[in-house]
Amino acid sequence: MEREEYPIEVMSYSGYKYAQTPRSFSLWGKIFEVVEIISASRSLSFVDGKVREHFVVKTKEGEVFELCHDEERDYWLARRRERDEGQEKF
């Protein structure tokens, strides 16, 4: 079963690059504070050539989400993950 993806607004830390790491995000009318980045990766689509950043994050409430950032469009999506789907700590 495929999990749903939701468009989100993200407040992020921008250090050496724009939107380097997410700090919090807005979903379902609620602000979720990111307390841990479990993993981070970049992917390049062979279909459209776009670079995307992927973050698996844990929120203050203990929920785990995968956040995906389309750098070209500055567009973010969130997908809820099961707690045991987390990867090694980043």
C-alpha atoms as a PDB file:
ATOM      1  CA  MET A   1       0.000   0.000   0.000  1.00  0.00           C
ATOM      2  CA  GLU A   2       1.408   3.371  -1.032  1.00  0.00           C
ATOM      3  CA  ARG A   3       1.458   6.080   1.612  1.00  0.00           C
ATOM      4  CA  GLU A   4       0.029   9.476   0.817  1.00  0.00           C
ATOM      5  CA  GLU A   5       2.262  12.489   0.274  1.00  0.00           C
ATOM      6  CA  TYR A   6       1.217  15.912   1.518  1.00  0.00           C
ATOM      7  CA  PRO A   7       2.471  19.335   0.407  1.00  0.00           C
ATOM      8  CA  ILE A   8       3.972  21.185   3.376  1.00  0.00           C
ATOM      9  CA  GLU A   9       5.585  24.472   4.338  1.00  0.00           C
ATOM     10  CA  VAL A  10       9.010  24.027   5.923  1.00  0.00           C
ATOM     11  CA  MET A  11      11.037  26.310   8.132  1.00  0.00           C
ATOM     12  CA  SER A  12      14.642  25.312   7.589  1.00  0.00           C
ATOM     13  CA  TYR A  13      18.179  26.144   8.567  1.00  0.00           C
ATOM     14  CA  SER A  14      20.164  27.697   5.742  1.00  0.00           C
ATOM     15  CA  GLY A  15      23.896  27.550   6.355  1.00  0.00           C
ATOM     16  CA  TYR A  16      26.297  26.944   3.499  1.00  0.00           C
ATOM     17  CA  LYS A  17      23.253  26.362   1.239  1.00  0.00           C
ATOM     18  CA  TYR A  18      19.586  27.279   1.118  1.00  0.00           C
ATOM     19  CA  ALA A  19      17.199  24.922   2.968  1.00  0.00           C
ATOM     20  CA  GLN A  20      20.069  22.869   4.338  1.00  0.00           C
ATOM     21  CA  THR A  21      18.069  21.078   7.072  1.00  0.00           C
ATOM     22  CA  PRO A  22      14.413  21.255   8.150  1.00  0.00           C
ATOM     23  CA  ARG A  23      13.697  22.654  11.627  1.00  0.00           C
ATOM     24  CA  SER A  24       9.880  22.496  11.602  1.00  0.00           C
ATOM     25  CA  PHE A  25       7.027  22.042   9.162  1.00  0.00           C
ATOM     26  CA  SER A  26       3.335  22.832   8.882  1.00  0.00           C
ATOM     27  CA  LEU A  27       0.936  19.986   8.096  1.00  0.00           C
ATOM     28  CA  TRP A  28      -2.810  19.573   8.738  1.00  0.00           C
ATOM     29  CA  GLY A  29      -2.908  23.029  10.332  1.00  0.00           C
ATOM     30  CA  LYS A  30      -0.306  22.038  12.932  1.00  0.00           C
ATOM     31  CA  ILE A  31       3.371  22.956  13.360  1.00  0.00           C
ATOM     32  CA  PHE A  32       5.656  19.938  13.870  1.00  0.00           C
ATOM     33  CA  GLU A  33       9.055  20.662  15.446  1.00  0.00           C
ATOM     34  CA  VAL A  34      11.907  18.487  14.153  1.00  0.00           C
ATOM     35  CA  VAL A  35      13.953  17.161  17.088  1.00  0.00           C
ATOM     36  CA  GLU A  36      16.084  14.633  15.200  1.00  0.00           C
ATOM     37  CA  ILE A  37      17.237  14.067  11.641  1.00  0.00           C
ATOM     38  CA  ILE A  38      17.389  10.286  11.379  1.00  0.00           C
ATOM     39  CA  SER A  39      18.814  10.276   7.856  1.00  0.00           C
ATOM     40  CA  ALA A  40      19.463  12.616   4.937  1.00  0.00           C
ATOM     41  CA  SER A  41      20.154  11.860   1.292  1.00  0.00           C
ATOM     42  CA  ARG A  42      20.074  13.375  -2.190  1.00  0.00           C
ATOM     43  CA  SER A  43      18.664  11.777  -5.295  1.00  0.00           C
ATOM     44  CA  LEU A  44      18.812  12.566  -8.986  1.00  0.00           C
ATOM     45  CA  SER A  45      15.862  11.518 -11.116  1.00  0.00           C
ATOM     46  CA  PHE A  46      16.833   9.869 -14.383  1.00  0.00           C
ATOM     47  CA  VAL A  47      13.356  10.706 -15.688  1.00  0.00           C
ATOM     48  CA  ASP A  48      13.307  14.482 -15.201  1.00  0.00           C
ATOM     49  CA  GLY A  49      16.877  15.265 -14.106  1.00  0.00           C
ATOM     50  CA  LYS A  50      15.745  16.947 -10.886  1.00  0.00           C
ATOM     51  CA  VAL A  51      17.717  16.838  -7.666  1.00  0.00           C
ATOM     52  CA  ARG A  52      15.735  16.109  -4.515  1.00  0.00           C
ATOM     53  CA  GLU A  53      16.758  16.180  -0.864  1.00  0.00           C
ATOM     54  CA  HIS A  54      15.245  13.519   1.398  1.00  0.00           C
ATOM     55  CA  PHE A  55      15.127  13.760   5.188  1.00  0.00           C
ATOM     56  CA  VAL A  56      13.729  11.214   7.609  1.00  0.00           C
ATOM     57  CA  VAL A  57      12.881  13.212  10.721  1.00  0.00           C
ATOM     58  CA  LYS A  58      11.476  12.625  14.177  1.00  0.00           C
ATOM     59  CA  THR A  59       9.122  15.246  15.590  1.00  0.00           C
ATOM     60  CA  LYS A  60       8.714  16.483  19.152  1.00  0.00           C
ATOM     61  CA  GLU A  61       5.571  14.307  19.334  1.00  0.00           C
ATOM     62  CA  GLY A  62       7.642  11.216  18.448  1.00  0.00           C
ATOM     63  CA  GLU A  63       6.203  10.820  14.948  1.00  0.00           C
ATOM     64  CA  VAL A  64       8.471   9.982  12.013  1.00  0.00           C
ATOM     65  CA  PHE A  65       8.103  11.652   8.612  1.00  0.00           C
ATOM     66  CA  GLU A  66      10.006  11.569   5.361  1.00  0.00           C
ATOM     67  CA  LEU A  67      10.375  15.088   3.953  1.00  0.00           C
ATOM     68  CA  CYS A  68      11.281  15.546   0.301  1.00  0.00           C
ATOM     69  CA  HIS A  69      12.528  18.866  -1.105  1.00  0.00           C
ATOM     70  CA  ASP A  70      12.431  19.547  -4.844  1.00  0.00           C
ATOM     71  CA  GLU A  71      15.256  22.104  -5.024  1.00  0.00           C
ATOM     72  CA  GLU A  72      14.391  23.436  -8.473  1.00  0.00           C
ATOM     73  CA  ARG A  73      10.799  24.344  -7.561  1.00  0.00           C
ATOM     74  CA  ASP A  74      11.481  24.879  -3.814  1.00  0.00           C
ATOM     75  CA  TYR A  75       8.604  22.513  -3.119  1.00  0.00           C
ATOM     76  CA  TRP A  76       8.324  20.192  -0.101  1.00  0.00           C
ATOM     77  CA  LEU A  77       6.299  17.000   0.434  1.00  0.00           C
ATOM     78  CA  ALA A  78       5.810  14.939   3.595  1.00  0.00           C
ATOM     79  CA  ARG A  79       5.009  11.269   4.014  1.00  0.00           C
ATOM     80  CA  ARG A  80       4.302   9.724   7.412  1.00  0.00           C
ATOM     81  CA  ARG A  81       6.486   6.710   8.175  1.00  0.00           C
ATOM     82  CA  GLU A  82       6.128   3.909  10.628  1.00  0.00           C
ATOM     83  CA  ARG A  83       8.416   4.399  13.617  1.00  0.00           C
ATOM     84  CA  ASP A  84      10.373   1.212  12.873  1.00  0.00           C
ATOM     85  CA  GLU A  85      11.080   2.339   9.277  1.00  0.00           C
ATOM     86  CA  GLY A  86      13.670   4.846  10.557  1.00  0.00           C
ATOM     87  CA  GLN A  87      17.266   4.357   9.532  1.00  0.00           C
ATOM     88  CA  GLU A  88      20.482   4.826  11.438  1.00  0.00           C
ATOM     89  CA  LYS A  89      20.937   8.227  13.012  1.00  0.00           C
ATOM     90  CA  PHE A  90      22.512  10.809  10.692  1.00  0.00           C
END
